[in-house]
Protein backbone atom coordinates (compact mmCIF):
# COMPACT_ATOMS: atom_id res chain seq x y z
CA MET A 1 -6.38 -19.76 17.63
CA TRP A 2 -6.10 -20.55 14.06
CA THR A 3 -3.49 -22.07 11.62
CA ALA A 4 -1.96 -20.84 8.18
CA ASP A 5 -3.57 -24.00 6.97
CA GLU A 6 -7.28 -23.04 7.98
CA ILE A 7 -6.81 -19.60 6.45
CA ALA A 8 -5.53 -21.05 3.18
CA GLN A 9 -8.52 -23.72 3.04
CA LEU A 10 -10.59 -20.63 3.79
CA CYS A 11 -9.35 -18.97 0.67
CA TYR A 12 -9.29 -21.93 -1.55
CA GLU A 13 -12.38 -22.67 -0.96
CA HIS A 14 -13.73 -19.10 -1.57
CA TYR A 15 -11.86 -19.17 -4.80
CA ARG A 16 -13.57 -22.22 -5.84
CA THR A 17 -17.12 -21.56 -4.96
CA ARG A 18 -17.27 -17.63 -5.12
CA LEU A 19 -15.26 -16.69 -8.31
CA PRO A 20 -16.56 -17.62 -11.62
CA LYS A 21 -15.13 -20.10 -13.62
CA GLN A 22 -14.41 -17.71 -16.52
CA GLY A 23 -10.65 -16.75 -16.44
CA LYS A 24 -9.52 -19.72 -14.28
CA PRO A 25 -6.70 -21.51 -15.40
CA ASP A 26 -6.80 -25.28 -16.53
CA PRO A 27 -5.76 -27.17 -13.69
CA ASN A 28 -4.19 -29.87 -15.83
CA ARG A 29 -1.61 -27.24 -17.74
CA GLU A 30 -2.01 -23.88 -16.38
CA TRP A 31 -1.43 -22.26 -12.98
CA THR A 32 -2.10 -18.77 -11.61
CA LEU A 33 -1.11 -16.80 -8.32
CA LEU A 34 -3.62 -16.32 -5.73
CA ALA A 35 -3.76 -13.21 -3.06
CA ALA A 36 -6.27 -12.78 -0.27
CA VAL A 37 -7.01 -10.36 2.53
CA VAL A 38 -9.02 -12.37 5.46
CA LYS A 39 -10.62 -10.27 8.22
CA ILE A 40 -10.50 -11.82 11.61
CA GLN A 41 -12.65 -10.77 14.58
CA PRO A 42 -14.14 -12.09 17.64
CA ALA A 43 -17.30 -14.18 17.40
CA ALA A 44 -20.68 -11.91 18.17
CA ASN A 45 -21.43 -14.24 21.29
CA GLN A 46 -17.77 -14.04 22.59
CA ALA A 47 -17.90 -12.87 25.97
CA HIS A 48 -15.27 -10.33 26.70
CA GLY A 49 -13.00 -11.26 29.65
CA ILE A 50 -10.40 -13.99 30.63
CA THR A 51 -11.63 -17.30 30.25
CA ASN A 52 -10.27 -20.99 29.89
CA LYS A 53 -11.82 -21.63 26.63
CA PRO A 54 -10.14 -20.93 23.32
CA ALA A 55 -11.20 -17.69 21.80
CA GLN A 56 -14.01 -18.31 19.13
CA VAL A 57 -13.26 -16.01 15.95
CA MET A 58 -14.92 -15.32 12.76
CA LYS A 59 -12.96 -15.53 9.47
CA GLU A 60 -14.09 -13.79 6.44
CA VAL A 61 -12.34 -13.44 2.98
CA VAL A 62 -12.85 -9.55 2.28
CA SER A 63 -10.72 -9.44 -1.08
CA MET A 64 -8.97 -11.70 -3.21
CA GLY A 65 -7.09 -11.21 -6.60
CA THR A 66 -5.66 -13.70 -9.09
CA GLY A 67 -3.58 -13.66 -12.19
CA THR A 68 0.16 -12.76 -13.45
CA LYS A 69 1.01 -9.77 -15.47
CA CYS A 70 3.71 -11.01 -17.65
CA ILE A 71 5.29 -9.61 -20.75
CA GLY A 72 6.47 -12.04 -23.23
CA GLN A 73 10.35 -11.93 -23.96
CA SER A 74 9.76 -10.71 -27.60
CA LYS A 75 8.03 -7.59 -26.06
CA MET A 76 10.90 -6.86 -23.95
CA ARG A 77 13.58 -4.44 -24.45
CA LYS A 78 17.08 -5.77 -25.24
CA SER A 79 18.35 -3.59 -22.19
């Protein structure tokens, strides 16, 4: 089994190591949203059937998106 913290760590690691620095926020004064889709499947060497061992799985980030799309107040309509 896996935990939410393990999935989050996998996503943060993918963000830090696989995405270019260009466009990332300055960690001292900016922030952004992060969303990811993670594929989880049985490990290739996992035997089918019932065992007493915990199931081994492969976890892979298959899609990731970051950013916020915000309109400044000066550009919004009054109503």
